[in-house]
PDB file of all heavy atoms in Angstrom:
ATOM      1  N   VAL A   1     103.092 100.571  97.839  1.00  0.00           N
ATOM      2  CA  VAL A   1     101.905 100.074  98.469  1.00  0.00           C
ATOM      3  C   VAL A   1     100.643 100.467  97.648  1.00  0.00           C
ATOM      4  O   VAL A   1      99.733  99.698  97.433  1.00  0.00           O
ATOM      5  CB  VAL A   1     101.767 100.528  99.930  1.00  0.00           C
ATOM      6  CG1 VAL A   1     100.394 100.243 100.492  1.00  0.00           C
ATOM      7  CG2 VAL A   1     102.848  99.894 100.806  1.00  0.00           C
ATOM      8  N   ARG A   2     100.677 101.746  97.228  1.00  0.00           N
ATOM      9  CA  ARG A   2      99.544 102.212  96.387  1.00  0.00           C
ATOM     10  C   ARG A   2      99.432 101.399  95.072  1.00  0.00           C
ATOM     11  O   ARG A   2      98.311 101.061  94.687  1.00  0.00           O
ATOM     12  CB  ARG A   2      99.746 103.680  96.045  1.00  0.00           C
ATOM     13  CG  ARG A   2      98.659 104.263  95.190  1.00  0.00           C
ATOM     14  CD  ARG A   2      98.879 105.743  94.929  1.00  0.00           C
ATOM     15  NE  ARG A   2     100.151 105.981  94.288  1.00  0.00           N
ATOM     16  CZ  ARG A   2     100.407 105.786  92.971  1.00  0.00           C
ATOM     17  NH1 ARG A   2      99.418 105.333  92.187  1.00  0.00           N
ATOM     18  NH2 ARG A   2     101.603 106.018  92.460  1.00  0.00           N
ATOM     19  N   LEU A   3     100.565 101.115  94.469  1.00  0.00           N
ATOM     20  CA  LEU A   3     100.525 100.308  93.255  1.00  0.00           C
ATOM     21  C   LEU A   3     100.047  98.886  93.485  1.00  0.00           C
ATOM     22  O   LEU A   3      99.318  98.313  92.696  1.00  0.00           O
ATOM     23  CB  LEU A   3     101.932 100.276  92.624  1.00  0.00           C
ATOM     24  CG  LEU A   3     102.367 101.571  91.964  1.00  0.00           C
ATOM     25  CD1 LEU A   3     103.852 101.552  91.611  1.00  0.00           C
ATOM     26  CD2 LEU A   3     101.577 101.886  90.687  1.00  0.00           C
ATOM     27  N   GLU A   4     100.453  98.325  94.633  1.00  0.00           N
ATOM     28  CA  GLU A   4     100.004  96.968  95.004  1.00  0.00           C
ATOM     29  C   GLU A   4      98.481  96.964  95.281  1.00  0.00           C
ATOM     30  O   GLU A   4      97.787  96.003  94.859  1.00  0.00           O
ATOM     31  CB  GLU A   4     100.772  96.460  96.186  1.00  0.00           C
ATOM     32  CG  GLU A   4     102.213  96.093  95.883  1.00  0.00           C
ATOM     33  CD  GLU A   4     103.001  95.761  97.097  1.00  0.00           C
ATOM     34  OE1 GLU A   4     102.594  96.150  98.216  1.00  0.00           O
ATOM     35  OE2 GLU A   4     104.055  95.130  96.971  1.00  0.00           O
ATOM     36  N   GLN A   5      97.983  97.979  95.937  1.00  0.00           N
ATOM     37  CA  GLN A   5      96.554  98.081  96.142  1.00  0.00           C
ATOM     38  C   GLN A   5      95.783  98.211  94.818  1.00  0.00           C
ATOM     39  O   GLN A   5      94.756  97.647  94.647  1.00  0.00           O
ATOM     40  CB  GLN A   5      96.268  99.287  97.058  1.00  0.00           C
ATOM     41  CG  GLN A   5      96.730  99.087  98.499  1.00  0.00           C
ATOM     42  CD  GLN A   5      96.578 100.348  99.314  1.00  0.00           C
ATOM     43  OE1 GLN A   5      96.428 101.439  98.782  1.00  0.00           O
ATOM     44  NE2 GLN A   5      96.636 100.193 100.633  1.00  0.00           N
ATOM     45  N   GLN A   6      96.396  99.012  93.923  1.00  0.00           N
ATOM     46  CA  GLN A   6      95.755  99.158  92.600  1.00  0.00           C
ATOM     47  C   GLN A   6      95.746  97.816  91.847  1.00  0.00           C
ATOM     48  O   GLN A   6      94.766  97.491  91.191  1.00  0.00           O
ATOM     49  CB  GLN A   6      96.539 100.193  91.781  1.00  0.00           C
ATOM     50  CG  GLN A   6      96.024 100.425  90.362  1.00  0.00           C
ATOM     51  CD  GLN A   6      96.841 101.481  89.615  1.00  0.00           C
ATOM     52  OE1 GLN A   6      97.535 102.271  90.230  1.00  0.00           O
ATOM     53  NE2 GLN A   6      96.767 101.391  88.301  1.00  0.00           N
ATOM     54  N   ALA A   7      96.830  97.036  91.997  1.00  0.00           N
ATOM     55  CA  ALA A   7      96.876  95.726  91.332  1.00  0.00           C
ATOM     56  C   ALA A   7      95.780  94.798  91.866  1.00  0.00           C
ATOM     57  O   ALA A   7      95.120  94.092  91.133  1.00  0.00           O
ATOM     58  CB  ALA A   7      98.255  95.101  91.548  1.00  0.00           C
ATOM     59  N   ALA A   8      95.659  94.788  93.219  1.00  0.00           N
ATOM     60  CA  ALA A   8      94.625  93.962  93.845  1.00  0.00           C
ATOM     61  C   ALA A   8      93.231  94.355  93.429  1.00  0.00           C
ATOM     62  O   ALA A   8      92.400  93.524  93.149  1.00  0.00           O
ATOM     63  CB  ALA A   8      94.770  94.042  95.363  1.00  0.00           C
ATOM     64  N   LEU A   9      93.021  95.656  93.337  1.00  0.00           N
ATOM     65  CA  LEU A   9      91.701  96.180  92.921  1.00  0.00           C
ATOM     66  C   LEU A   9      91.429  95.789  91.456  1.00  0.00           C
ATOM     67  O   LEU A   9      90.300  95.385  91.116  1.00  0.00           O
ATOM     68  CB  LEU A   9      91.654  97.692  93.065  1.00  0.00           C
ATOM     69  CG  LEU A   9      90.357  98.357  92.635  1.00  0.00           C
ATOM     70  CD1 LEU A   9      89.179  97.883  93.496  1.00  0.00           C
ATOM     71  CD2 LEU A   9      90.473  99.887  92.741  1.00  0.00           C
ATOM     72  N   THR A  10      92.436  95.900  90.653  1.00  0.00           N
ATOM     73  CA  THR A  10      92.280  95.512  89.202  1.00  0.00           C
ATOM     74  C   THR A  10      91.933  94.060  89.074  1.00  0.00           C
ATOM     75  O   THR A  10      91.031  93.723  88.320  1.00  0.00           O
ATOM     76  CB  THR A  10      93.579  95.833  88.414  1.00  0.00           C
ATOM     77  OG1 THR A  10      93.870  97.239  88.519  1.00  0.00           O
ATOM     78  CG2 THR A  10      93.424  95.467  86.982  1.00  0.00           C
ATOM     79  N   ARG A  11      92.622  93.217  89.819  1.00  0.00           N
ATOM     80  CA  ARG A  11      92.318  91.794  89.749  1.00  0.00           C
ATOM     81  C   ARG A  11      90.915  91.528  90.260  1.00  0.00           C
ATOM     82  O   ARG A  11      90.180  90.697  89.683  1.00  0.00           O
ATOM     83  CB  ARG A  11      93.355  91.026  90.592  1.00  0.00           C
ATOM     84  CG  ARG A  11      94.605  90.671  89.860  1.00  0.00           C
ATOM     85  CD  ARG A  11      95.354  89.530  90.533  1.00  0.00           C
ATOM     86  NE  ARG A  11      96.556  89.184  89.782  1.00  0.00           N
ATOM     87  CZ  ARG A  11      97.738  89.699  90.054  1.00  0.00           C
ATOM     88  NH1 ARG A  11      97.863  90.609  91.001  1.00  0.00           N
ATOM     89  NH2 ARG A  11      98.799  89.356  89.316  1.00  0.00           N
ATOM     90  N   GLY A  12      90.542  92.174  91.370  1.00  0.00           N
ATOM     91  CA  GLY A  12      89.218  91.941  91.942  1.00  0.00           C
ATOM     92  C   GLY A  12      88.120  92.378  91.000  1.00  0.00           C
ATOM     93  O   GLY A  12      87.107  91.622  90.825  1.00  0.00           O
ATOM     94  N   VAL A  13      88.254  93.551  90.391  1.00  0.00           N
ATOM     95  CA  VAL A  13      87.252  94.034  89.440  1.00  0.00           C
ATOM     96  C   VAL A  13      87.146  93.106  88.223  1.00  0.00           C
ATOM     97  O   VAL A  13      86.059  92.766  87.764  1.00  0.00           O
ATOM     98  CB  VAL A  13      87.568  95.474  89.005  1.00  0.00           C
ATOM     99  CG1 VAL A  13      86.645  95.920  87.858  1.00  0.00           C
ATOM    100  CG2 VAL A  13      87.413  96.450  90.164  1.00  0.00           C
ATOM    101  N   GLY A  14      88.318  92.682  87.751  1.00  0.00           N
ATOM    102  CA  GLY A  14      88.327  91.784  86.592  1.00  0.00           C
ATOM    103  C   GLY A  14      87.656  90.448  86.898  1.00  0.00           C
ATOM    104  O   GLY A  14      86.857  89.913  86.099  1.00  0.00           O
ATOM    105  N   ALA A  15      87.932  89.910  88.098  1.00  0.00           N
ATOM    106  CA  ALA A  15      87.317  88.646  88.495  1.00  0.00           C
ATOM    107  C   ALA A  15      85.800  88.817  88.669  1.00  0.00           C
ATOM    108  O   ALA A  15      85.040  87.914  88.220  1.00  0.00           O
ATOM    109  CB  ALA A  15      87.915  88.161  89.816  1.00  0.00           C
ATOM    110  N   ALA A  16      85.360  89.924  89.199  1.00  0.00           N
ATOM    111  CA  ALA A  16      83.934  90.156  89.371  1.00  0.00           C
ATOM    112  C   ALA A  16      83.221  90.298  88.013  1.00  0.00           C
ATOM    113  O   ALA A  16      82.157  89.726  87.803  1.00  0.00           O
ATOM    114  CB  ALA A  16      83.715  91.428  90.201  1.00  0.00           C
ATOM    115  N   GLN A  17      83.864  91.051  87.109  1.00  0.00           N
ATOM    116  CA  GLN A  17      83.276  91.218  85.774  1.00  0.00           C
ATOM    117  C   GLN A  17      83.187  89.870  85.053  1.00  0.00           C
ATOM    118  O   GLN A  17      82.179  89.563  84.386  1.00  0.00           O
ATOM    119  CB  GLN A  17      84.103  92.225  84.993  1.00  0.00           C
ATOM    120  CG  GLN A  17      83.986  93.656  85.444  1.00  0.00           C
ATOM    121  CD  GLN A  17      84.878  94.553  84.621  1.00  0.00           C
ATOM    122  OE1 GLN A  17      85.874  94.177  84.008  1.00  0.00           O
ATOM    123  NE2 GLN A  17      84.559  95.868  84.649  1.00  0.00           N
ATOM    124  N   ALA A  18      84.269  89.108  85.135  1.00  0.00           N
ATOM    125  CA  ALA A  18      84.280  87.793  84.480  1.00  0.00           C
ATOM    126  C   ALA A  18      83.214  86.881  85.012  1.00  0.00           C
ATOM    127  O   ALA A  18      82.471  86.190  84.253  1.00  0.00           O
ATOM    128  CB  ALA A  18      85.675  87.156  84.607  1.00  0.00           C
ATOM    129  N   SER A  19      83.080  86.824  86.307  1.00  0.00           N
ATOM    130  CA  SER A  19      82.072  85.955  86.967  1.00  0.00           C
ATOM    131  C   SER A  19      80.647  86.396  86.581  1.00  0.00           C
ATOM    132  O   SER A  19      79.779  85.565  86.291  1.00  0.00           O
ATOM    133  CB  SER A  19      82.249  86.007  88.487  1.00  0.00           C
ATOM    134  OG  SER A  19      83.472  85.453  88.892  1.00  0.00           O
ATOM    135  N   LEU A  20      80.425  87.718  86.579  1.00  0.00           N
ATOM    136  CA  LEU A  20      79.114  88.185  86.206  1.00  0.00           C
ATOM    137  C   LEU A  20      78.781  87.883  84.765  1.00  0.00           C
ATOM    138  O   LEU A  20      77.649  87.473  84.434  1.00  0.00           O
ATOM    139  CB  LEU A  20      79.072  89.752  86.414  1.00  0.00           C
ATOM    140  CG  LEU A  20      77.758  90.431  86.107  1.00  0.00           C
ATOM    141  CD1 LEU A  20      76.671  89.904  87.054  1.00  0.00           C
ATOM    142  CD2 LEU A  20      77.866  91.947  86.281  1.00  0.00           C
ATOM    143  N   LEU A  21      79.807  87.982  83.923  1.00  0.00           N
ATOM    144  CA  LEU A  21      79.602  87.628  82.490  1.00  0.00           C
ATOM    145  C   LEU A  21      79.251  86.148  82.326  1.00  0.00           C
ATOM    146  O   LEU A  21      78.361  85.786  81.561  1.00  0.00           O
ATOM    147  CB  LEU A  21      80.840  88.029  81.670  1.00  0.00           C
ATOM    148  CG  LEU A  21      80.762  87.893  80.166  1.00  0.00           C
ATOM    149  CD1 LEU A  21      79.692  88.797  79.590  1.00  0.00           C
ATOM    150  CD2 LEU A  21      82.106  88.192  79.537  1.00  0.00           C
ATOM    151  N   GLU A  22      79.995  85.309  83.041  1.00  0.00           N
ATOM    152  CA  GLU A  22      79.734  83.871  82.977  1.00  0.00           C
ATOM    153  C   GLU A  22      78.347  83.504  83.474  1.00  0.00           C
ATOM    154  O   GLU A  22      77.631  82.702  82.930  1.00  0.00           O
ATOM    155  CB  GLU A  22      80.809  83.119  83.748  1.00  0.00           C
ATOM    156  CG  GLU A  22      82.150  83.112  83.066  1.00  0.00           C
ATOM    157  CD  GLU A  22      83.261  82.511  83.919  1.00  0.00           C
ATOM    158  OE1 GLU A  22      83.099  82.520  85.162  1.00  0.00           O
ATOM    159  OE2 GLU A  22      84.255  82.067  83.380  1.00  0.00           O
ATOM    160  N   GLU A  23      77.960  84.174  84.574  1.00  0.00           N
ATOM    161  CA  GLU A  23      76.647  83.882  85.151  1.00  0.00           C
ATOM    162  C   GLU A  23      75.530  84.338  84.208  1.00  0.00           C
ATOM    163  O   GLU A  23      74.535  83.630  84.010  1.00  0.00           O
ATOM    164  CB  GLU A  23      76.489  84.599  86.490  1.00  0.00           C
ATOM    165  CG  GLU A  23      77.327  84.030  87.625  1.00  0.00           C
ATOM    166  CD  GLU A  23      77.273  84.839  88.882  1.00  0.00           C
ATOM    167  OE1 GLU A  23      76.464  85.780  88.918  1.00  0.00           O
ATOM    168  OE2 GLU A  23      77.978  84.494  89.829  1.00  0.00           O
ATOM    169  N   SER A  24      75.684  85.510  83.604  1.00  0.00           N
ATOM    170  CA  SER A  24      74.663  86.020  82.681  1.00  0.00           C
ATOM    171  C   SER A  24      74.583  85.089  81.437  1.00  0.00           C
ATOM    172  O   SER A  24      73.502  84.837  80.943  1.00  0.00           O
ATOM    173  CB  SER A  24      74.959  87.454  82.238  1.00  0.00           C
ATOM    174  OG  SER A  24      76.219  87.491  81.492  1.00  0.00           O
ATOM    175  N   GLY A  25      75.740  84.602  80.999  1.00  0.00           N
ATOM    176  CA  GLY A  25      75.752  83.652  79.842  1.00  0.00           C
ATOM    177  C   GLY A  25      75.018  82.369  80.190  1.00  0.00           C
ATOM    178  O   GLY A  25      74.266  81.836  79.388  1.00  0.00           O
ATOM    179  N   ALA A  26      75.285  81.860  81.405  1.00  0.00           N
ATOM    180  CA  ALA A  26      74.644  80.621  81.837  1.00  0.00           C
ATOM    181  C   ALA A  26      73.117  80.845  81.937  1.00  0.00           C
ATOM    182  O   ALA A  26      72.334  79.943  81.519  1.00  0.00           O
ATOM    183  CB  ALA A  26      75.187  80.162  83.194  1.00  0.00           C
ATOM    184  N   ILE A  27      72.689  81.964  82.452  1.00  0.00           N
ATOM    185  CA  ILE A  27      71.250  82.226  82.596  1.00  0.00           C
ATOM    186  C   ILE A  27      70.588  82.320  81.214  1.00  0.00           C
ATOM    187  O   ILE A  27      69.546  81.758  80.958  1.00  0.00           O
ATOM    188  CB  ILE A  27      71.020  83.546  83.376  1.00  0.00           C
ATOM    189  CG1 ILE A  27      71.421  83.321  84.842  1.00  0.00           C
ATOM    190  CG2 ILE A  27      69.574  83.977  83.310  1.00  0.00           C
ATOM    191  CD1 ILE A  27      71.430  84.580  85.677  1.00  0.00           C
ATOM    192  N   GLU A  28      71.250  83.080  80.309  1.00  0.00           N
ATOM    193  CA  GLU A  28      70.714  83.201  78.942  1.00  0.00           C
ATOM    194  C   GLU A  28      70.618  81.852  78.244  1.00  0.00           C
ATOM    195  O   GLU A  28      69.658  81.565  77.542  1.00  0.00           O
ATOM    196  CB  GLU A  28      71.602  84.152  78.145  1.00  0.00           C
ATOM    197  CG  GLU A  28      71.032  84.501  76.725  1.00  0.00           C
ATOM    198  CD  GLU A  28      71.829  85.528  76.032  1.00  0.00           C
ATOM    199  OE1 GLU A  28      72.801  86.061  76.623  1.00  0.00           O
ATOM    200  OE2 GLU A  28      71.513  85.752  74.840  1.00  0.00           O
TER     201      GLU A  28
END
């Protein structure tokens, strides 16, 4: 369960970072 939670967190952080990067690129 701990490993699955870690996997979900990793995916969530990655998705957030990717979205933020895309948004900043679009703004620039």
